[in-house]
């Protein structure tokens, strides 16, 4: 099962500069574990204590996984997962 994972600029140091990589897994948790076998360290930047990090947004086919099943969201062949760091701040 191939799943495309879109990588934000800040995490591309883990993927040798690639904007997207492929991974496998039946859930997001399995996908991130699989990615970590080839891109060591990436899982730790997205997952903490078995849950998605608070300031990282993950989308499955443009749906925020926090409104699905979070780290336990089921995946199917051909899905696209997008990782986005949360952005805060602005001008006063």
PDB file of N, CA and C in Angstrom:
ATOM      1  N   UNK A   1       0.846  -1.167   0.000  1.00  0.00           N
ATOM      2  CA  UNK A   1       0.000   0.000   0.000  1.00  0.00           C
ATOM      3  C   UNK A   1       0.896   1.235   0.000  1.00  0.00           C
ATOM      4  N   UNK A   2       0.744   2.069  -1.010  1.00  0.00           N
ATOM      5  CA  UNK A   2       1.562   3.279  -1.123  1.00  0.00           C
ATOM      6  C   UNK A   2       0.751   4.512  -0.733  1.00  0.00           C
ATOM      7  N   UNK A   3       1.340   5.285   0.151  1.00  0.00           N
ATOM      8  CA  UNK A   3       0.717   6.516   0.625  1.00  0.00           C
ATOM      9  C   UNK A   3       1.720   7.643   0.406  1.00  0.00           C
ATOM     10  N   UNK A   4       1.290   8.706  -0.252  1.00  0.00           N
ATOM     11  CA  UNK A   4       2.154   9.859  -0.459  1.00  0.00           C
ATOM     12  C   UNK A   4       2.091  10.747   0.782  1.00  0.00           C
ATOM     13  N   UNK A   5       3.266  11.149   1.258  1.00  0.00           N
ATOM     14  CA  UNK A   5       3.348  12.035   2.414  1.00  0.00           C
ATOM     15  C   UNK A   5       4.035  13.315   1.965  1.00  0.00           C
ATOM     16  N   UNK A   6       3.326  14.422   2.059  1.00  0.00           N
ATOM     17  CA  UNK A   6       3.883  15.726   1.693  1.00  0.00           C
ATOM     18  C   UNK A   6       4.579  16.317   2.907  1.00  0.00           C
ATOM     19  N   UNK A   7       5.816  16.709   2.690  1.00  0.00           N
ATOM     20  CA  UNK A   7       6.696  17.136   3.776  1.00  0.00           C
ATOM     21  C   UNK A   7       6.874  18.662   3.747  1.00  0.00           C
ATOM     22  N   UNK A   8       6.672  19.337   4.895  1.00  0.00           N
ATOM     23  CA  UNK A   8       6.907  20.783   4.931  1.00  0.00           C
ATOM     24  C   UNK A   8       8.405  21.091   4.885  1.00  0.00           C
ATOM     25  N   UNK A   9       8.724  22.288   4.483  1.00  0.00           N
ATOM     26  CA  UNK A   9      10.120  22.700   4.344  1.00  0.00           C
ATOM     27  C   UNK A   9      10.934  22.418   5.596  1.00  0.00           C
ATOM     28  N   UNK A  10      10.380  22.694   6.759  1.00  0.00           N
ATOM     29  CA  UNK A  10      11.131  22.540   8.013  1.00  0.00           C
ATOM     30  C   UNK A  10      11.526  21.083   8.304  1.00  0.00           C
ATOM     31  N   UNK A  11      10.822  20.126   7.733  1.00  0.00           N
ATOM     32  CA  UNK A  11      11.137  18.709   7.972  1.00  0.00           C
ATOM     33  C   UNK A  11      11.887  18.052   6.817  1.00  0.00           C
ATOM     34  N   UNK A  12      12.168  18.799   5.786  1.00  0.00           N
ATOM     35  CA  UNK A  12      12.828  18.214   4.615  1.00  0.00           C
ATOM     36  C   UNK A  12      14.273  17.815   4.859  1.00  0.00           C
ATOM     37  N   UNK A  13      14.865  18.275   5.955  1.00  0.00           N
ATOM     38  CA  UNK A  13      16.215  17.817   6.289  1.00  0.00           C
ATOM     39  C   UNK A  13      16.203  16.316   6.575  1.00  0.00           C
ATOM     40  N   UNK A  14      15.059  15.785   6.997  1.00  0.00           N
ATOM     41  CA  UNK A  14      14.932  14.352   7.275  1.00  0.00           C
ATOM     42  C   UNK A  14      14.699  13.536   6.010  1.00  0.00           C
ATOM     43  N   UNK A  15      14.259  14.205   4.931  1.00  0.00           N
ATOM     44  CA  UNK A  15      13.933  13.493   3.683  1.00  0.00           C
ATOM     45  C   UNK A  15      14.884  13.878   2.554  1.00  0.00           C
ATOM     46  N   UNK A  16      16.073  14.316   2.891  1.00  0.00           N
ATOM     47  CA  UNK A  16      17.075  14.721   1.904  1.00  0.00           C
ATOM     48  C   UNK A  16      16.536  15.774   0.946  1.00  0.00           C
ATOM     49  N   UNK A  17      15.716  16.685   1.471  1.00  0.00           N
ATOM     50  CA  UNK A  17      15.208  17.783   0.683  1.00  0.00           C
ATOM     51  C   UNK A  17      13.975  17.478  -0.147  1.00  0.00           C
ATOM     52  N   UNK A  18      13.492  16.249  -0.092  1.00  0.00           N
ATOM     53  CA  UNK A  18      12.323  15.886  -0.908  1.00  0.00           C
ATOM     54  C   UNK A  18      11.033  16.471  -0.339  1.00  0.00           C
ATOM     55  N   UNK A  19      10.186  16.971  -1.232  1.00  0.00           N
ATOM     56  CA  UNK A  19       8.910  17.565  -0.854  1.00  0.00           C
ATOM     57  C   UNK A  19       7.864  16.513  -0.528  1.00  0.00           C
ATOM     58  N   UNK A  20       8.032  15.319  -1.077  1.00  0.00           N
ATOM     59  CA  UNK A  20       7.080  14.239  -0.836  1.00  0.00           C
ATOM     60  C   UNK A  20       7.829  12.908  -0.816  1.00  0.00           C
ATOM     61  N   UNK A  21       7.365  12.008   0.041  1.00  0.00           N
ATOM     62  CA  UNK A  21       7.931  10.663   0.130  1.00  0.00           C
ATOM     63  C   UNK A  21       6.769   9.673   0.183  1.00  0.00           C
ATOM     64  N   UNK A  22       7.076   8.408  -0.024  1.00  0.00           N
ATOM     65  CA  UNK A  22       6.047   7.381   0.077  1.00  0.00           C
ATOM     66  C   UNK A  22       6.277   6.558   1.324  1.00  0.00           C
ATOM     67  N   UNK A  23       5.171   6.087   1.893  1.00  0.00           N
ATOM     68  CA  UNK A  23       5.233   5.232   3.061  1.00  0.00           C
ATOM     69  C   UNK A  23       4.095   4.235   3.024  1.00  0.00           C
ATOM     70  N   UNK A  24       4.095   3.350   4.010  1.00  0.00           N
ATOM     71  CA  UNK A  24       3.039   2.352   4.110  1.00  0.00           C
ATOM     72  C   UNK A  24       2.533   2.281   5.536  1.00  0.00           C
ATOM     73  N   UNK A  25       1.328   1.772   5.701  1.00  0.00           N
ATOM     74  CA  UNK A  25       0.745   1.589   7.023  1.00  0.00           C
ATOM     75  C   UNK A  25      -0.760   1.592   6.935  1.00  0.00           C
ATOM     76  N   UNK A  26      -1.384   0.910   7.862  1.00  0.00           N
ATOM     77  CA  UNK A  26      -2.846   0.870   7.910  1.00  0.00           C
ATOM     78  C   UNK A  26      -3.423   2.048   8.682  1.00  0.00           C
ATOM     79  N   UNK A  27      -2.587   2.697   9.496  1.00  0.00           N
ATOM     80  CA  UNK A  27      -2.998   3.867  10.272  1.00  0.00           C
ATOM     81  C   UNK A  27      -1.890   4.917  10.182  1.00  0.00           C
ATOM     82  N   UNK A  28      -2.196   6.125  10.624  1.00  0.00           N
ATOM     83  CA  UNK A  28      -1.154   7.161  10.661  1.00  0.00           C
ATOM     84  C   UNK A  28       0.005   6.742  11.553  1.00  0.00           C
ATOM     85  N   UNK A  29      -0.290   6.125  12.682  1.00  0.00           N
ATOM     86  CA  UNK A  29       0.775   5.681  13.593  1.00  0.00           C
ATOM     87  C   UNK A  29       1.733   4.732  12.876  1.00  0.00           C
ATOM     88  N   UNK A  30       1.187   3.772  12.130  1.00  0.00           N
ATOM     89  CA  UNK A  30       2.022   2.827  11.386  1.00  0.00           C
ATOM     90  C   UNK A  30       2.790   3.531  10.272  1.00  0.00           C
ATOM     91  N   UNK A  31       2.145   4.493   9.623  1.00  0.00           N
ATOM     92  CA  UNK A  31       2.803   5.246   8.553  1.00  0.00           C
ATOM     93  C   UNK A  31       4.009   6.000   9.094  1.00  0.00           C
ATOM     94  N   UNK A  32       3.857   6.705  10.217  1.00  0.00           N
ATOM     95  CA  UNK A  32       4.966   7.473  10.763  1.00  0.00           C
ATOM     96  C   UNK A  32       6.094   6.558  11.249  1.00  0.00           C
ATOM     97  N   UNK A  33       5.751   5.398  11.781  1.00  0.00           N
ATOM     98  CA  UNK A  33       6.779   4.421  12.187  1.00  0.00           C
ATOM     99  C   UNK A  33       7.530   3.931  10.951  1.00  0.00           C
ATOM    100  N   UNK A  34       6.802   3.669   9.863  1.00  0.00           N
ATOM    101  CA  UNK A  34       7.428   3.222   8.619  1.00  0.00           C
ATOM    102  C   UNK A  34       8.351   4.309   8.063  1.00  0.00           C
ATOM    103  N   UNK A  35       7.885   5.544   8.046  1.00  0.00           N
ATOM    104  CA  UNK A  35       8.716   6.641   7.540  1.00  0.00           C
ATOM    105  C   UNK A  35      10.004   6.778   8.343  1.00  0.00           C
ATOM    106  N   UNK A  36       9.909   6.565   9.654  1.00  0.00           N
ATOM    107  CA  UNK A  36      11.084   6.721  10.514  1.00  0.00           C
ATOM    108  C   UNK A  36      12.165   5.690  10.206  1.00  0.00           C
ATOM    109  N   UNK A  37      11.784   4.556   9.612  1.00  0.00           N
ATOM    110  CA  UNK A  37      12.797   3.546   9.266  1.00  0.00           C
ATOM    111  C   UNK A  37      13.679   4.014   8.116  1.00  0.00           C
ATOM    112  N   UNK A  38      13.155   4.882   7.256  1.00  0.00           N
ATOM    113  CA  UNK A  38      13.912   5.397   6.121  1.00  0.00           C
ATOM    114  C   UNK A  38      14.348   6.845   6.290  1.00  0.00           C
ATOM    115  N   UNK A  39      13.668   7.558   7.160  1.00  0.00           N
ATOM    116  CA  UNK A  39      13.941   8.986   7.383  1.00  0.00           C
ATOM    117  C   UNK A  39      14.024   9.203   8.903  1.00  0.00           C
ATOM    118  N   UNK A  40      15.086   8.690   9.474  1.00  0.00           N
ATOM    119  CA  UNK A  40      15.250   8.684  10.927  1.00  0.00           C
ATOM    120  C   UNK A  40      15.060  10.072  11.532  1.00  0.00           C
ATOM    121  N   UNK A  41      14.218  10.135  12.563  1.00  0.00           N
ATOM    122  CA  UNK A  41      13.984  11.371  13.289  1.00  0.00           C
ATOM    123  C   UNK A  41      12.686  12.060  12.941  1.00  0.00           C
ATOM    124  N   UNK A  42      12.105  11.727  11.800  1.00  0.00           N
ATOM    125  CA  UNK A  42      10.894  12.434  11.374  1.00  0.00           C
ATOM    126  C   UNK A  42       9.716  12.116  12.291  1.00  0.00           C
ATOM    127  N   UNK A  43       9.613  10.889  12.740  1.00  0.00           N
ATOM    128  CA  UNK A  43       8.493  10.509  13.617  1.00  0.00           C
ATOM    129  C   UNK A  43       8.502  11.334  14.905  1.00  0.00           C
ATOM    130  N   UNK A  44       9.664  11.533  15.475  1.00  0.00           N
ATOM    131  CA  UNK A  44       9.781  12.295  16.711  1.00  0.00           C
ATOM    132  C   UNK A  44       9.383  13.760  16.568  1.00  0.00           C
ATOM    133  N   UNK A  45       9.422  14.269  15.350  1.00  0.00           N
ATOM    134  CA  UNK A  45       9.028  15.659  15.117  1.00  0.00           C
ATOM    135  C   UNK A  45       7.515  15.806  14.941  1.00  0.00           C
ATOM    136  N   UNK A  46       6.832  14.670  14.688  1.00  0.00           N
ATOM    137  CA  UNK A  46       5.394  14.698  14.426  1.00  0.00           C
ATOM    138  C   UNK A  46       4.596  14.073  15.564  1.00  0.00           C
ATOM    139  N   UNK A  47       5.187  13.053  16.208  1.00  0.00           N
ATOM    140  CA  UNK A  47       4.488  12.290  17.241  1.00  0.00           C
ATOM    141  C   UNK A  47       5.225  12.429  18.568  1.00  0.00           C
ATOM    142  N   UNK A  48       4.453  12.562  19.655  1.00  0.00           N
ATOM    143  CA  UNK A  48       5.029  12.633  21.001  1.00  0.00           C
ATOM    144  C   UNK A  48       4.120  11.862  21.951  1.00  0.00           C
ATOM    145  N   UNK A  49       4.673  10.874  22.613  1.00  0.00           N
ATOM    146  CA  UNK A  49       3.888  10.099  23.572  1.00  0.00           C
ATOM    147  C   UNK A  49       2.719   9.359  22.936  1.00  0.00           C
ATOM    148  N   UNK A  50       2.894   8.932  21.687  1.00  0.00           N
ATOM    149  CA  UNK A  50       1.838   8.192  21.016  1.00  0.00           C
ATOM    150  C   UNK A  50       0.716   9.045  20.451  1.00  0.00           C
ATOM    151  N   UNK A  51       0.868  10.362  20.492  1.00  0.00           N
ATOM    152  CA  UNK A  51      -0.144  11.280  19.954  1.00  0.00           C
ATOM    153  C   UNK A  51       0.536  12.283  19.023  1.00  0.00           C
ATOM    154  N   UNK A  52      -0.251  12.881  18.152  1.00  0.00           N
ATOM    155  CA  UNK A  52       0.301  13.920  17.295  1.00  0.00           C
ATOM    156  C   UNK A  52       0.722  15.107  18.148  1.00  0.00           C
ATOM    157  N   UNK A  53       1.846  15.690  17.806  1.00  0.00           N
ATOM    158  CA  UNK A  53       2.298  16.880  18.537  1.00  0.00           C
ATOM    159  C   UNK A  53       1.271  17.995  18.382  1.00  0.00           C
ATOM    160  N   UNK A  54       1.146  18.762  19.410  1.00  0.00           N
ATOM    161  CA  UNK A  54       0.120  19.808  19.467  1.00  0.00           C
ATOM    162  C   UNK A  54       0.243  20.840  18.349  1.00  0.00           C
ATOM    163  N   UNK A  55       1.471  21.178  17.987  1.00  0.00           N
ATOM    164  CA  UNK A  55       1.684  22.242  17.009  1.00  0.00           C
ATOM    165  C   UNK A  55       2.035  21.714  15.624  1.00  0.00           C
ATOM    166  N   UNK A  56       1.568  20.501  15.336  1.00  0.00           N
ATOM    167  CA  UNK A  56       1.726  19.930  14.000  1.00  0.00           C
ATOM    168  C   UNK A  56       0.340  19.551  13.508  1.00  0.00           C
ATOM    169  N   UNK A  57       0.000  20.010  12.320  1.00  0.00           N
ATOM    170  CA  UNK A  57      -1.282  19.663  11.722  1.00  0.00           C
ATOM    171  C   UNK A  57      -1.054  18.585  10.671  1.00  0.00           C
ATOM    172  N   UNK A  58      -1.904  17.579  10.674  1.00  0.00           N
ATOM    173  CA  UNK A  58      -1.802  16.496   9.705  1.00  0.00           C
ATOM    174  C   UNK A  58      -3.144  16.364   9.001  1.00  0.00           C
ATOM    175  N   UNK A  59      -3.072  16.279   7.684  1.00  0.00           N
ATOM    176  CA  UNK A  59      -4.280  16.170   6.871  1.00  0.00           C
ATOM    177  C   UNK A  59      -4.244  14.886   6.057  1.00  0.00           C
ATOM    178  N   UNK A  60      -5.367  14.215   6.005  1.00  0.00           N
ATOM    179  CA  UNK A  60      -5.531  13.035   5.166  1.00  0.00           C
ATOM    180  C   UNK A  60      -6.484  13.428   4.045  1.00  0.00           C
ATOM    181  N   UNK A  61      -5.957  13.473   2.828  1.00  0.00           N
ATOM    182  CA  UNK A  61      -6.776  13.874   1.677  1.00  0.00           C
ATOM    183  C   UNK A  61      -7.525  15.180   1.968  1.00  0.00           C
ATOM    184  N   UNK A  62      -6.816  16.147   2.534  1.00  0.00           N
ATOM    185  CA  UNK A  62      -7.339  17.489   2.846  1.00  0.00           C
ATOM    186  C   UNK A  62      -8.298  17.542   4.031  1.00  0.00           C
ATOM    187  N   UNK A  63      -8.418  16.456   4.795  1.00  0.00           N
ATOM    188  CA  UNK A  63      -9.250  16.438   6.015  1.00  0.00           C
ATOM    189  C   UNK A  63      -8.316  16.461   7.220  1.00  0.00           C
ATOM    190  N   UNK A  64      -8.554  17.360   8.159  1.00  0.00           N
ATOM    191  CA  UNK A  64      -7.763  17.435   9.388  1.00  0.00           C
ATOM    192  C   UNK A  64      -8.002  16.163  10.201  1.00  0.00           C
ATOM    193  N   UNK A  65      -6.932  15.412  10.470  1.00  0.00           N
ATOM    194  CA  UNK A  65      -7.093  14.126  11.172  1.00  0.00           C
ATOM    195  C   UNK A  65      -7.541  14.296  12.617  1.00  0.00           C
ATOM    196  N   UNK A  66      -7.434  15.492  13.166  1.00  0.00           N
ATOM    197  CA  UNK A  66      -7.933  15.720  14.528  1.00  0.00           C
ATOM    198  C   UNK A  66      -9.450  15.571  14.579  1.00  0.00           C
ATOM    199  N   UNK A  67     -10.114  15.740  13.429  1.00  0.00           N
ATOM    200  CA  UNK A  67     -11.565  15.562  13.361  1.00  0.00           C
ATOM    201  C   UNK A  67     -11.931  14.163  12.873  1.00  0.00           C
ATOM    202  N   UNK A  68     -10.920  13.348  12.627  1.00  0.00           N
ATOM    203  CA  UNK A  68     -11.133  11.944  12.268  1.00  0.00           C
ATOM    204  C   UNK A  68     -10.773  11.132  13.506  1.00  0.00           C
ATOM    205  N   UNK A  69      -9.781  10.247  13.392  1.00  0.00           N
ATOM    206  CA  UNK A  69      -9.367   9.434  14.542  1.00  0.00           C
ATOM    207  C   UNK A  69      -7.944   9.740  14.994  1.00  0.00           C
ATOM    208  N   UNK A  70      -7.458  10.949  14.688  1.00  0.00           N
ATOM    209  CA  UNK A  70      -6.115  11.329  15.128  1.00  0.00           C
ATOM    210  C   UNK A  70      -5.066  10.372  14.604  1.00  0.00           C
ATOM    211  N   UNK A  71      -4.159   9.971  15.468  1.00  0.00           N
ATOM    212  CA  UNK A  71      -3.052   9.088  15.096  1.00  0.00           C
ATOM    213  C   UNK A  71      -3.545   7.704  14.673  1.00  0.00           C
ATOM    214  N   UNK A  72      -4.761   7.359  15.060  1.00  0.00           N
ATOM    215  CA  UNK A  72      -5.336   6.053  14.714  1.00  0.00           C
ATOM    216  C   UNK A  72      -6.184   6.100  13.439  1.00  0.00           C
ATOM    217  N   UNK A  73      -6.142   7.207  12.711  1.00  0.00           N
ATOM    218  CA  UNK A  73      -6.895   7.333  11.463  1.00  0.00           C
ATOM    219  C   UNK A  73      -6.447   6.251  10.486  1.00  0.00           C
ATOM    220  N   UNK A  74      -7.408   5.562   9.910  1.00  0.00           N
ATOM    221  CA  UNK A  74      -7.147   4.492   8.943  1.00  0.00           C
ATOM    222  C   UNK A  74      -6.735   5.076   7.603  1.00  0.00           C
ATOM    223  N   UNK A  75      -5.830   4.361   6.932  1.00  0.00           N
ATOM    224  CA  UNK A  75      -5.331   4.773   5.628  1.00  0.00           C
ATOM    225  C   UNK A  75      -5.634   3.707   4.589  1.00  0.00           C
ATOM    226  N   UNK A  76      -5.737   4.136   3.347  1.00  0.00           N
ATOM    227  CA  UNK A  76      -5.911   3.196   2.239  1.00  0.00           C
ATOM    228  C   UNK A  76      -4.935   3.543   1.131  1.00  0.00           C
ATOM    229  N   UNK A  77      -4.693   2.588   0.261  1.00  0.00           N
ATOM    230  CA  UNK A  77      -3.774   2.758  -0.846  1.00  0.00           C
ATOM    231  C   UNK A  77      -4.158   3.984  -1.668  1.00  0.00           C
ATOM    232  N   UNK A  78      -3.173   4.821  -1.973  1.00  0.00           N
ATOM    233  CA  UNK A  78      -3.407   6.008  -2.777  1.00  0.00           C
ATOM    234  C   UNK A  78      -3.740   7.262  -1.991  1.00  0.00           C
ATOM    235  N   UNK A  79      -3.849   7.152  -0.672  1.00  0.00           N
ATOM    236  CA  UNK A  79      -4.117   8.322   0.163  1.00  0.00           C
ATOM    237  C   UNK A  79      -2.950   9.307   0.100  1.00  0.00           C
ATOM    238  N   UNK A  80      -3.244  10.552   0.417  1.00  0.00           N
ATOM    239  CA  UNK A  80      -2.218  11.585   0.535  1.00  0.00           C
ATOM    240  C   UNK A  80      -2.287  12.168   1.938  1.00  0.00           C
ATOM    241  N   UNK A  81      -1.151  12.168   2.616  1.00  0.00           N
ATOM    242  CA  UNK A  81      -1.036  12.736   3.956  1.00  0.00           C
ATOM    243  C   UNK A  81      -0.148  13.973   3.851  1.00  0.00           C
ATOM    244  N   UNK A  82      -0.641  15.066   4.404  1.00  0.00           N
ATOM    245  CA  UNK A  82       0.115  16.319   4.395  1.00  0.00           C
ATOM    246  C   UNK A  82       0.431  16.716   5.828  1.00  0.00           C
ATOM    247  N   UNK A  83       1.704  16.989   6.085  1.00  0.00           N
ATOM    248  CA  UNK A  83       2.151  17.441   7.406  1.00  0.00           C
ATOM    249  C   UNK A  83       2.411  18.940   7.306  1.00  0.00           C
ATOM    250  N   UNK A  84       1.796  19.701   8.204  1.00  0.00           N
ATOM    251  CA  UNK A  84       2.008  21.150   8.223  1.00  0.00           C
ATOM    252  C   UNK A  84       2.281  21.617   9.646  1.00  0.00           C
ATOM    253  N   UNK A  85       3.363  22.352   9.848  1.00  0.00           N
ATOM    254  CA  UNK A  85       3.561  22.927  11.175  1.00  0.00           C
ATOM    255  C   UNK A  85       2.552  24.040  11.391  1.00  0.00           C
ATOM    256  N   UNK A  86       2.020  24.113  12.590  1.00  0.00           N
ATOM    257  CA  UNK A  86       1.082  25.193  12.919  1.00  0.00           C
ATOM    258  C   UNK A  86       1.827  26.510  12.927  1.00  0.00           C
ATOM    259  N   UNK A  87       1.174  27.541  12.446  1.00  0.00           N
ATOM    260  CA  UNK A  87       1.790  28.855  12.371  1.00  0.00           C
ATOM    261  C   UNK A  87       1.002  29.796  13.270  1.00  0.00           C
ATOM    262  N   UNK A  88       1.723  30.552  14.071  1.00  0.00           N
ATOM    263  CA  UNK A  88       1.082  31.509  14.955  1.00  0.00           C
ATOM    264  C   UNK A  88       1.799  32.847  14.841  1.00  0.00           C
ATOM    265  N   UNK A  89       1.150  33.848  15.324  1.00  0.00           N
ATOM    266  CA  UNK A  89       1.800  35.155  15.346  1.00  0.00           C
ATOM    267  C   UNK A  89       1.187  36.089  14.325  1.00  0.00           C
ATOM    268  N   UNK A  90       1.797  37.205  14.184  1.00  0.00           N
ATOM    269  CA  UNK A  90       1.299  38.199  13.243  1.00  0.00           C
ATOM    270  C   UNK A  90       1.761  39.580  13.672  1.00  0.00           C
ATOM    271  N   UNK A  91       1.244  40.546  13.019  1.00  0.00           N
ATOM    272  CA  UNK A  91       1.627  41.921  13.326  1.00  0.00           C
ATOM    273  C   UNK A  91       0.639  42.532  14.302  1.00  0.00           C
ATOM    274  N   UNK A  92       1.133  43.422  15.101  1.00  0.00           N
ATOM    275  CA  UNK A  92       0.276  44.147  16.045  1.00  0.00           C
ATOM    276  C   UNK A  92      -0.249  45.386  15.435  1.00  0.00           C
TER     277      UNK A  92
END
